[in-house]
C-alpha atoms as a PDB file:
ATOM      1  CA  MET A   1       0.000   0.000   0.000  1.00  0.00           C
ATOM      2  CA  LEU A   2       2.796   2.472   0.814  1.00  0.00           C
ATOM      3  CA  ASN A   3       5.029   1.834  -2.192  1.00  0.00           C
ATOM      4  CA  GLY A   4       7.824   4.339  -2.517  1.00  0.00           C
ATOM      5  CA  ILE A   5       7.993   5.001   1.234  1.00  0.00           C
ATOM      6  CA  SER A   6      11.213   3.585   2.671  1.00  0.00           C
ATOM      7  CA  ASP A   7      11.615   2.453   6.290  1.00  0.00           C
ATOM      8  CA  CYS A   8       7.892   1.828   6.600  1.00  0.00           C
ATOM      9  CA  LYS A   9       6.623  -0.694   9.145  1.00  0.00           C
ATOM     10  CA  ILE A  10       2.922  -1.527   9.346  1.00  0.00           C
ATOM     11  CA  ASN A  11       1.571  -3.233  12.480  1.00  0.00           C
ATOM     12  CA  PHE A  12      -1.926  -4.759  12.422  1.00  0.00           C
ATOM     13  CA  GLU A  13      -1.900  -6.197  15.981  1.00  0.00           C
ATOM     14  CA  SER A  14      -3.892  -3.396  17.630  1.00  0.00           C
ATOM     15  CA  GLY A  15      -5.664  -1.662  14.788  1.00  0.00           C
ATOM     16  CA  THR A  16      -3.373  -0.480  12.039  1.00  0.00           C
ATOM     17  CA  ASN A  17      -0.270   1.415  13.083  1.00  0.00           C
ATOM     18  CA  ILE A  18       2.213   2.714  10.543  1.00  0.00           C
ATOM     19  CA  VAL A  19       5.686   3.727  11.720  1.00  0.00           C
ATOM     20  CA  ILE A  20       8.073   5.469   9.346  1.00  0.00           C
ATOM     21  CA  HIS A  21      11.589   6.650  10.167  1.00  0.00           C
ATOM     22  CA  SER A  22      12.805   9.300   7.751  1.00  0.00           C
ATOM     23  CA  GLU A  23      15.194  12.200   7.485  1.00  0.00           C
ATOM     24  CA  GLN A  24      12.686  13.821   5.113  1.00  0.00           C
ATOM     25  CA  SER A  25       9.685  13.694   7.409  1.00  0.00           C
ATOM     26  CA  GLU A  26       7.755  16.524   5.747  1.00  0.00           C
ATOM     27  CA  LEU A  27       7.941  14.956   2.282  1.00  0.00           C
ATOM     28  CA  VAL A  28       7.138  11.479   3.571  1.00  0.00           C
ATOM     29  CA  LEU A  29       4.207  12.781   5.586  1.00  0.00           C
ATOM     30  CA  LEU A  30       2.767  14.465   2.490  1.00  0.00           C
ATOM     31  CA  LYS A  31       3.190  11.248   0.456  1.00  0.00           C
ATOM     32  CA  VAL A  32       1.497   9.145   3.154  1.00  0.00           C
ATOM     33  CA  LEU A  33      -1.417  11.568   3.453  1.00  0.00           C
ATOM     34  CA  LYS A  34      -1.868  11.577  -0.334  1.00  0.00           C
ATOM     35  CA  ILE A  35      -1.836   7.759  -0.515  1.00  0.00           C
ATOM     36  CA  LEU A  36      -4.349   7.459   2.319  1.00  0.00           C
ATOM     37  CA  ASN A  37      -6.578  10.153   0.831  1.00  0.00           C
ATOM     38  CA  ASP A  38      -6.430   8.641  -2.683  1.00  0.00           C
ATOM     39  CA  ASN A  39      -7.573   5.310  -1.205  1.00  0.00           C
ATOM     40  CA  ASN A  40     -10.299   6.856   1.005  1.00  0.00           C
ATOM     41  CA  ILE A  41      -8.611   5.555   4.174  1.00  0.00           C
ATOM     42  CA  GLU A  42      -9.718   7.348   7.327  1.00  0.00           C
ATOM     43  CA  ILE A  43      -7.019   8.621   9.692  1.00  0.00           C
ATOM     44  CA  GLU A  44      -7.780   8.282  13.391  1.00  0.00           C
ATOM     45  CA  ASP A  45      -4.555   9.768  14.749  1.00  0.00           C
ATOM     46  CA  LEU A  46      -1.389  11.200  13.266  1.00  0.00           C
ATOM     47  CA  SER A  47       1.780  12.268  15.018  1.00  0.00           C
ATOM     48  CA  ALA A  48       5.296  13.234  14.033  1.00  0.00           C
ATOM     49  CA  VAL A  49       8.043  12.724  16.576  1.00  0.00           C
ATOM     50  CA  PRO A  50      11.149  14.847  16.076  1.00  0.00           C
ATOM     51  CA  THR A  51      14.581  13.307  16.279  1.00  0.00           C
ATOM     52  CA  ASN A  52      16.181  13.798  19.663  1.00  0.00           C
ATOM     53  CA  LEU A  53      19.672  15.226  20.146  1.00  0.00           C
ATOM     54  CA  GLU A  54      21.174  11.836  21.016  1.00  0.00           C
ATOM     55  CA  GLU A  55      20.031  10.366  17.696  1.00  0.00           C
ATOM     56  CA  ILE A  56      21.466  13.363  15.820  1.00  0.00           C
ATOM     57  CA  PHE A  57      24.791  13.010  17.652  1.00  0.00           C
ATOM     58  CA  LEU A  58      25.027   9.265  16.946  1.00  0.00           C
ATOM     59  CA  LYS A  59      24.234   9.838  13.270  1.00  0.00           C
ATOM     60  CA  MET A  60      26.934  12.498  13.008  1.00  0.00           C
ATOM     61  CA  VAL A  61      29.506  10.240  14.708  1.00  0.00           C
ATOM     62  CA  ARG A  62      28.644   7.362  12.336  1.00  0.00           C
ATOM     63  CA  GLU A  63      28.923   9.624   9.283  1.00  0.00           C
ATOM     64  CA  ASN A  64      32.224  11.067  10.516  1.00  0.00           C
ATOM     65  CA  THR A  65      33.621   7.599  11.168  1.00  0.00           C
ATOM     66  CA  SER A  66      32.595   6.322   7.748  1.00  0.00           C
ATOM     67  CA  ASN A  67      34.163   9.352   6.020  1.00  0.00           C
ATOM     68  CA  ASN A  68      37.591   8.668   7.574  1.00  0.00           C
END
């Protein structure tokens, strides 16, 4: 259903929960909303969780290590 959306995990255990991790959250959010709207799928709840500083630091360290 969410073709073209990377890092997408759909969980059907307690309703339908979709979790997406992305560095381009605004673009991905717009794509998801368009797909759901095009398929007349009702949204009960939607939230975007910003990356915390620890995750940003770890990403920077990994990128720095891989560049050396």
